[in-house]
Amino acid sequence: MSQPIIEFDAHGLTVDQAIRQIEALIAKCDSGTYRIRVIHGYHRGNNIQRALYDEIDRGRNPKVVRVIGGSNPGITELVLREY
């Protein structure tokens, strides 16, 4: 997968399903990808957003440098490398 930014739509997924699929996506990324943009929505998507910070941020996934908010409250971005 050599896209600079990969978008992942998590609408309709449970928190567990979303985290499993996002972790699999992270594992497949090569050095050409520097961000994964997770579109989770807000309201029910906030649970997925919290799980991204709890499960993937804080050094728990060595490929993820940091987790940041996106361009709106329904998006969270996983930074794999700085550009």
C-alpha atoms as a PDB file:
ATOM      1  CA  MET A   1       0.000   0.000   0.000  1.00  0.00           C
ATOM      2  CA  SER A   2       1.852   3.036  -1.141  1.00  0.00           C
ATOM      3  CA  GLN A   3      -0.617   5.881  -0.756  1.00  0.00           C
ATOM      4  CA  PRO A   4       0.510   8.899   1.269  1.00  0.00           C
ATOM      5  CA  ILE A   5      -2.824   9.156   3.086  1.00  0.00           C
ATOM      6  CA  ILE A   6      -5.227   6.252   3.470  1.00  0.00           C
ATOM      7  CA  GLU A   7      -8.824   6.924   4.435  1.00  0.00           C
ATOM      8  CA  PHE A   8     -10.700   4.343   6.478  1.00  0.00           C
ATOM      9  CA  ASP A   9     -14.450   4.695   6.975  1.00  0.00           C
ATOM     10  CA  ALA A  10     -15.488   3.187  10.305  1.00  0.00           C
ATOM     11  CA  HIS A  11     -19.189   4.046  10.069  1.00  0.00           C
ATOM     12  CA  GLY A  12     -21.364   1.110  11.078  1.00  0.00           C
ATOM     13  CA  LEU A  13     -18.547  -0.801  12.796  1.00  0.00           C
ATOM     14  CA  THR A  14     -18.367  -1.650  16.462  1.00  0.00           C
ATOM     15  CA  VAL A  15     -15.367  -0.382  18.381  1.00  0.00           C
ATOM     16  CA  ASP A  16     -13.766  -3.854  18.366  1.00  0.00           C
ATOM     17  CA  GLN A  17     -14.332  -4.312  14.627  1.00  0.00           C
ATOM     18  CA  ALA A  18     -12.921  -0.869  13.859  1.00  0.00           C
ATOM     19  CA  ILE A  19      -9.798  -1.334  15.993  1.00  0.00           C
ATOM     20  CA  ARG A  20      -9.086  -4.785  14.517  1.00  0.00           C
ATOM     21  CA  GLN A  21      -9.455  -3.515  10.952  1.00  0.00           C
ATOM     22  CA  ILE A  22      -7.384  -0.396  11.611  1.00  0.00           C
ATOM     23  CA  GLU A  23      -4.591  -2.439  13.217  1.00  0.00           C
ATOM     24  CA  ALA A  24      -4.584  -4.749  10.172  1.00  0.00           C
ATOM     25  CA  LEU A  25      -4.423  -1.694   7.912  1.00  0.00           C
ATOM     26  CA  ILE A  26      -1.495  -0.265   9.892  1.00  0.00           C
ATOM     27  CA  ALA A  27       0.360  -3.568   9.564  1.00  0.00           C
ATOM     28  CA  LYS A  28      -0.027  -3.488   5.760  1.00  0.00           C
ATOM     29  CA  CYS A  29       1.246   0.081   5.341  1.00  0.00           C
ATOM     30  CA  ASP A  30       4.697   0.608   3.878  1.00  0.00           C
ATOM     31  CA  SER A  31       7.008   3.610   4.177  1.00  0.00           C
ATOM     32  CA  GLY A  32       5.071   5.454   1.463  1.00  0.00           C
ATOM     33  CA  THR A  33       2.123   5.962   3.799  1.00  0.00           C
ATOM     34  CA  TYR A  34       2.433   8.685   6.396  1.00  0.00           C
ATOM     35  CA  ARG A  35      -1.169   8.993   7.646  1.00  0.00           C
ATOM     36  CA  ILE A  36      -4.313   6.994   8.101  1.00  0.00           C
ATOM     37  CA  ARG A  37      -7.412   9.150   8.261  1.00  0.00           C
ATOM     38  CA  VAL A  38     -10.148   7.386  10.230  1.00  0.00           C
ATOM     39  CA  ILE A  39     -13.625   8.694   9.479  1.00  0.00           C
ATOM     40  CA  HIS A  40     -15.756   7.623  12.426  1.00  0.00           C
ATOM     41  CA  GLY A  41     -18.336  10.369  12.700  1.00  0.00           C
ATOM     42  CA  TYR A  42     -19.358  11.947  15.949  1.00  0.00           C
ATOM     43  CA  HIS A  43     -21.960  10.917  18.475  1.00  0.00           C
ATOM     44  CA  ARG A  44     -21.546   7.115  18.284  1.00  0.00           C
ATOM     45  CA  GLY A  45     -18.191   7.554  16.518  1.00  0.00           C
ATOM     46  CA  ASN A  46     -16.778   9.128  19.666  1.00  0.00           C
ATOM     47  CA  ASN A  47     -16.369   5.638  21.133  1.00  0.00           C
ATOM     48  CA  ILE A  48     -14.135   4.672  18.213  1.00  0.00           C
ATOM     49  CA  GLN A  49     -12.209   7.908  18.613  1.00  0.00           C
ATOM     50  CA  ARG A  50     -11.574   7.212  22.310  1.00  0.00           C
ATOM     51  CA  ALA A  51     -10.487   3.661  21.483  1.00  0.00           C
ATOM     52  CA  LEU A  52      -7.981   4.988  18.927  1.00  0.00           C
ATOM     53  CA  TYR A  53      -6.352   7.082  21.632  1.00  0.00           C
ATOM     54  CA  ASP A  54      -6.533   4.273  24.207  1.00  0.00           C
ATOM     55  CA  GLU A  55      -5.563   1.289  22.041  1.00  0.00           C
ATOM     56  CA  ILE A  56      -3.248   2.724  19.381  1.00  0.00           C
ATOM     57  CA  ASP A  57      -1.765   5.917  20.782  1.00  0.00           C
ATOM     58  CA  ARG A  58       0.666   6.089  23.702  1.00  0.00           C
ATOM     59  CA  GLY A  59       3.276   3.843  22.092  1.00  0.00           C
ATOM     60  CA  ARG A  60       1.092   0.757  21.903  1.00  0.00           C
ATOM     61  CA  ASN A  61       1.598   0.419  18.151  1.00  0.00           C
ATOM     62  CA  PRO A  62       5.215   0.991  17.118  1.00  0.00           C
ATOM     63  CA  LYS A  63       4.248   2.166  13.609  1.00  0.00           C
ATOM     64  CA  VAL A  64       2.090   5.028  14.950  1.00  0.00           C
ATOM     65  CA  VAL A  65       4.000   8.156  15.946  1.00  0.00           C
ATOM     66  CA  ARG A  66       0.926   9.906  17.339  1.00  0.00           C
ATOM     67  CA  VAL A  67      -2.853  10.195  17.071  1.00  0.00           C
ATOM     68  CA  ILE A  68      -4.336  13.611  16.307  1.00  0.00           C
ATOM     69  CA  GLY A  69      -7.719  15.143  15.651  1.00  0.00           C
ATOM     70  CA  GLY A  70      -8.688  15.598  12.034  1.00  0.00           C
ATOM     71  CA  SER A  71     -10.215  18.493  10.159  1.00  0.00           C
ATOM     72  CA  ASN A  72     -13.531  17.992  11.992  1.00  0.00           C
ATOM     73  CA  PRO A  73     -14.707  16.158  15.149  1.00  0.00           C
ATOM     74  CA  GLY A  74     -15.709  13.081  13.134  1.00  0.00           C
ATOM     75  CA  ILE A  75     -12.168  12.380  11.930  1.00  0.00           C
ATOM     76  CA  THR A  76      -9.069  11.139  13.749  1.00  0.00           C
ATOM     77  CA  GLU A  77      -5.684  10.787  12.053  1.00  0.00           C
ATOM     78  CA  LEU A  78      -2.974   8.272  12.819  1.00  0.00           C
ATOM     79  CA  VAL A  79       0.442   9.731  12.020  1.00  0.00           C
ATOM     80  CA  LEU A  80       2.816   6.998  10.851  1.00  0.00           C
ATOM     81  CA  ARG A  81       5.644   9.352   9.957  1.00  0.00           C
ATOM     82  CA  GLU A  82       6.151  13.092   9.726  1.00  0.00           C
ATOM     83  CA  TYR A  83       6.254  14.629   6.277  1.00  0.00           C
END
